[in-house]
Amino acid sequence: MVDVLNRLSDTDCIALCHGVVDGLCGRPCPRQVDYSDTWSPREWLHLLRSLTTIFRLAGGGVSDEEVLVRLEGSRHAKAVLGVLRGRQEEIRRALLERTAAVSSAVLQDFDWQLKLALSSDKISCLNAPLLRLHLDLSPWRRPVAMEMTRDELSMLIASLEAANKVVLQLK
């Protein structure tokens, strides 16, 4: 991420960081189209995920030193840290609001189906079961559909259990 971030000028880096924080706070985030001359879509996604992770961690209480370690070698480390310091309280509030919204989401209904992947002759010989899970979350009234393998289902269950522990600690 460091070499990708170093392609920007100082002012563009600060603007990008503020845009990423805006995205964390529920406002429109920067678009890849605006930076298509600088980065490929793959580089853009990697950079956006990395900056978002840094801001989330720092909003959760990670020290400035740990942020600087993640940005080691970047000539924009102090600029990113400056944006972080300036908007840390806003980031923390947004993360708490998002956590509260997720914890207040109530599962209204679910449906599951088990099928075998038979889309090609090579895959059909694998005989790999897939779980198709449909969730209906109440505040959004928007169905969520997922299709997972056994390993992905195990990871989902572990993630949900970890999220539940965090929510219980926040109460």
Protein backbone atom coordinates (compact mmCIF):
# COMPACT_ATOMS: atom_id res chain seq x y z
CA MET A 1 0.00 0.00 0.00
CA VAL A 2 2.85 2.37 0.81
CA ASP A 3 4.26 2.54 -2.72
CA VAL A 4 0.75 3.02 -4.13
CA LEU A 5 0.01 5.86 -1.69
CA ASN A 6 3.32 7.56 -2.50
CA ARG A 7 2.09 8.28 -6.05
CA LEU A 8 -0.05 11.13 -4.70
CA SER A 9 0.97 14.65 -3.82
CA ASP A 10 0.63 15.74 -0.20
CA THR A 11 -2.56 17.71 -0.79
CA ASP A 12 -4.15 14.88 -2.81
CA CYS A 13 -3.25 12.39 -0.08
CA ILE A 14 -4.90 14.55 2.57
CA ALA A 15 -8.00 14.94 0.39
CA LEU A 16 -8.13 11.17 -0.17
CA CYS A 17 -7.80 10.47 3.56
CA HIS A 18 -10.59 12.90 4.36
CA GLY A 19 -12.71 11.17 1.70
CA VAL A 20 -12.05 7.76 3.25
CA VAL A 21 -13.05 9.11 6.68
CA ASP A 22 -16.19 10.59 5.10
CA GLY A 23 -17.01 7.12 3.78
CA LEU A 24 -16.56 5.65 7.26
CA CYS A 25 -18.92 8.29 8.62
CA GLY A 26 -21.69 7.47 6.18
CA ARG A 27 -21.05 10.17 3.60
CA PRO A 28 -19.95 9.53 0.01
CA CYS A 29 -16.46 8.08 -0.19
CA PRO A 30 -13.89 8.67 -2.94
CA ARG A 31 -14.52 6.94 -6.25
CA GLN A 32 -12.02 4.98 -8.29
CA VAL A 33 -13.04 6.92 -11.39
CA ASP A 34 -11.51 10.05 -9.87
CA TYR A 35 -8.17 8.27 -9.45
CA SER A 36 -8.17 6.05 -12.54
CA ASP A 37 -5.11 7.84 -13.94
CA THR A 38 -3.15 7.10 -10.77
CA TRP A 39 -4.16 3.53 -9.88
CA SER A 40 -5.63 0.44 -11.44
CA PRO A 41 -8.93 -0.82 -9.98
CA ARG A 42 -7.06 -3.53 -8.09
CA GLU A 43 -4.59 -1.06 -6.58
CA TRP A 44 -7.46 1.28 -5.73
CA LEU A 45 -9.36 -1.42 -3.83
CA HIS A 46 -6.25 -2.46 -1.95
CA LEU A 47 -5.45 1.14 -0.99
CA LEU A 48 -9.03 1.92 0.00
CA ARG A 49 -9.26 -1.21 2.17
CA SER A 50 -5.90 -0.50 3.80
CA LEU A 51 -6.72 3.12 4.62
CA THR A 52 -10.17 2.16 5.89
CA THR A 53 -8.60 -0.49 8.13
CA ILE A 54 -6.08 2.01 9.49
CA PHE A 55 -8.80 4.56 10.26
CA ARG A 56 -11.04 1.93 11.86
CA LEU A 57 -8.24 0.65 14.06
CA ALA A 58 -7.23 4.15 15.07
CA GLY A 59 -10.84 5.06 15.80
CA GLY A 60 -10.94 2.05 18.06
CA GLY A 61 -8.01 3.29 20.11
CA VAL A 62 -4.84 2.09 18.37
CA SER A 63 -1.86 4.31 19.17
CA ASP A 64 -0.17 6.69 16.74
CA GLU A 65 2.95 4.54 16.81
CA GLU A 66 1.04 1.51 15.54
CA VAL A 67 -0.44 3.60 12.74
CA LEU A 68 3.05 4.83 11.80
CA VAL A 69 4.30 1.22 11.75
CA ARG A 70 1.58 0.34 9.23
CA LEU A 71 2.57 3.34 7.11
CA GLU A 72 6.32 2.81 7.44
CA GLY A 73 8.12 3.94 4.34
CA SER A 74 5.35 6.23 3.18
CA ARG A 75 6.22 9.87 2.73
CA HIS A 76 2.57 10.60 3.60
CA ALA A 77 2.57 8.95 7.03
CA LYS A 78 2.42 12.27 8.87
CA ALA A 79 -0.36 13.55 6.59
CA VAL A 80 -2.44 10.43 7.24
CA LEU A 81 -1.76 10.74 10.95
CA GLY A 82 -2.77 14.41 10.85
CA VAL A 83 -6.12 13.55 9.27
CA LEU A 84 -6.55 10.80 11.80
CA ARG A 85 -5.84 13.05 14.77
CA GLY A 86 -8.12 15.77 13.44
CA ARG A 87 -11.08 13.47 12.89
CA GLN A 88 -10.51 10.71 15.44
CA GLU A 89 -13.53 11.59 17.55
CA GLU A 90 -15.75 11.66 14.46
CA ILE A 91 -14.42 8.26 13.39
CA ARG A 92 -15.00 6.82 16.86
CA ARG A 93 -18.60 8.10 16.96
CA ALA A 94 -19.32 6.73 13.48
CA LEU A 95 -17.95 3.31 14.41
CA LEU A 96 -20.01 3.25 17.62
CA GLU A 97 -23.15 4.25 15.71
CA ARG A 98 -22.52 1.57 13.11
CA THR A 99 -21.96 -1.04 15.83
CA ALA A 100 -25.18 0.02 17.55
CA ALA A 101 -27.11 -0.16 14.26
CA VAL A 102 -25.78 -3.64 13.52
CA SER A 103 -26.51 -4.86 17.04
CA SER A 104 -30.07 -3.54 16.83
CA ALA A 105 -30.69 -5.34 13.54
CA VAL A 106 -33.09 -8.16 14.15
CA LEU A 107 -33.17 -11.24 12.01
CA GLN A 108 -36.76 -11.48 10.84
CA ASP A 109 -36.63 -14.61 8.74
CA PHE A 110 -34.18 -16.99 7.15
CA ASP A 111 -34.29 -19.69 4.56
CA TRP A 112 -31.62 -22.10 3.46
CA GLN A 113 -31.11 -24.52 0.62
CA LEU A 114 -28.41 -27.08 0.00
CA LYS A 115 -27.36 -27.79 -3.56
CA LEU A 116 -24.51 -29.38 -5.43
CA ALA A 117 -22.35 -27.34 -7.79
CA LEU A 118 -22.98 -28.89 -11.20
CA SER A 119 -22.22 -26.01 -13.54
CA SER A 120 -19.51 -27.83 -15.49
CA ASP A 121 -18.34 -31.37 -15.94
CA LYS A 122 -15.12 -30.66 -13.97
CA ILE A 123 -16.97 -29.13 -11.03
CA SER A 124 -19.64 -31.83 -11.00
CA CYS A 125 -17.07 -34.48 -10.20
CA LEU A 126 -16.03 -32.47 -7.11
CA ASN A 127 -19.43 -33.07 -5.55
CA ALA A 128 -19.04 -29.89 -3.45
CA PRO A 129 -22.10 -28.93 -1.37
CA LEU A 130 -23.00 -25.25 -1.25
CA LEU A 131 -25.27 -23.52 1.23
CA ARG A 132 -27.58 -20.82 -0.08
CA LEU A 133 -28.64 -18.59 2.81
CA HIS A 134 -31.26 -15.84 2.57
CA LEU A 135 -31.50 -13.39 5.48
CA ASP A 136 -34.12 -10.68 6.05
CA LEU A 137 -32.83 -7.94 8.39
CA SER A 138 -35.52 -5.79 9.97
CA PRO A 139 -34.40 -2.16 9.95
CA TRP A 140 -33.45 -2.22 6.30
CA ARG A 141 -36.16 -4.60 5.07
CA ARG A 142 -33.65 -5.74 2.54
CA PRO A 143 -32.93 -9.41 1.95
CA VAL A 144 -29.34 -10.58 2.01
CA ALA A 145 -28.48 -13.66 -0.05
CA MET A 146 -25.25 -15.63 0.30
CA GLU A 147 -23.92 -18.79 -1.25
CA MET A 148 -21.15 -20.50 0.72
CA THR A 149 -19.05 -23.60 0.88
CA ARG A 150 -18.61 -25.49 4.13
CA ASP A 151 -15.37 -23.60 4.92
CA GLU A 152 -16.96 -20.23 4.19
CA LEU A 153 -19.91 -21.14 6.41
CA SER A 154 -17.53 -22.00 9.26
CA MET A 155 -15.78 -18.65 8.82
CA LEU A 156 -19.14 -16.83 8.81
CA ILE A 157 -20.22 -18.54 12.02
CA ALA A 158 -16.89 -17.71 13.69
CA SER A 159 -17.17 -14.07 12.57
CA LEU A 160 -20.73 -13.78 13.87
CA GLU A 161 -19.71 -15.28 17.21
CA ALA A 162 -16.80 -12.82 17.49
CA ALA A 163 -19.09 -9.91 16.61
CA ASN A 164 -21.57 -11.06 19.23
CA LYS A 165 -18.80 -11.08 21.87
CA VAL A 166 -17.83 -7.52 20.94
CA VAL A 167 -21.43 -6.33 21.10
CA LEU A 168 -21.88 -7.95 24.50
CA GLN A 169 -18.71 -6.21 25.74
CA LEU A 170 -20.01 -2.83 24.55
CA LYS A 171 -23.27 -3.21 26.50
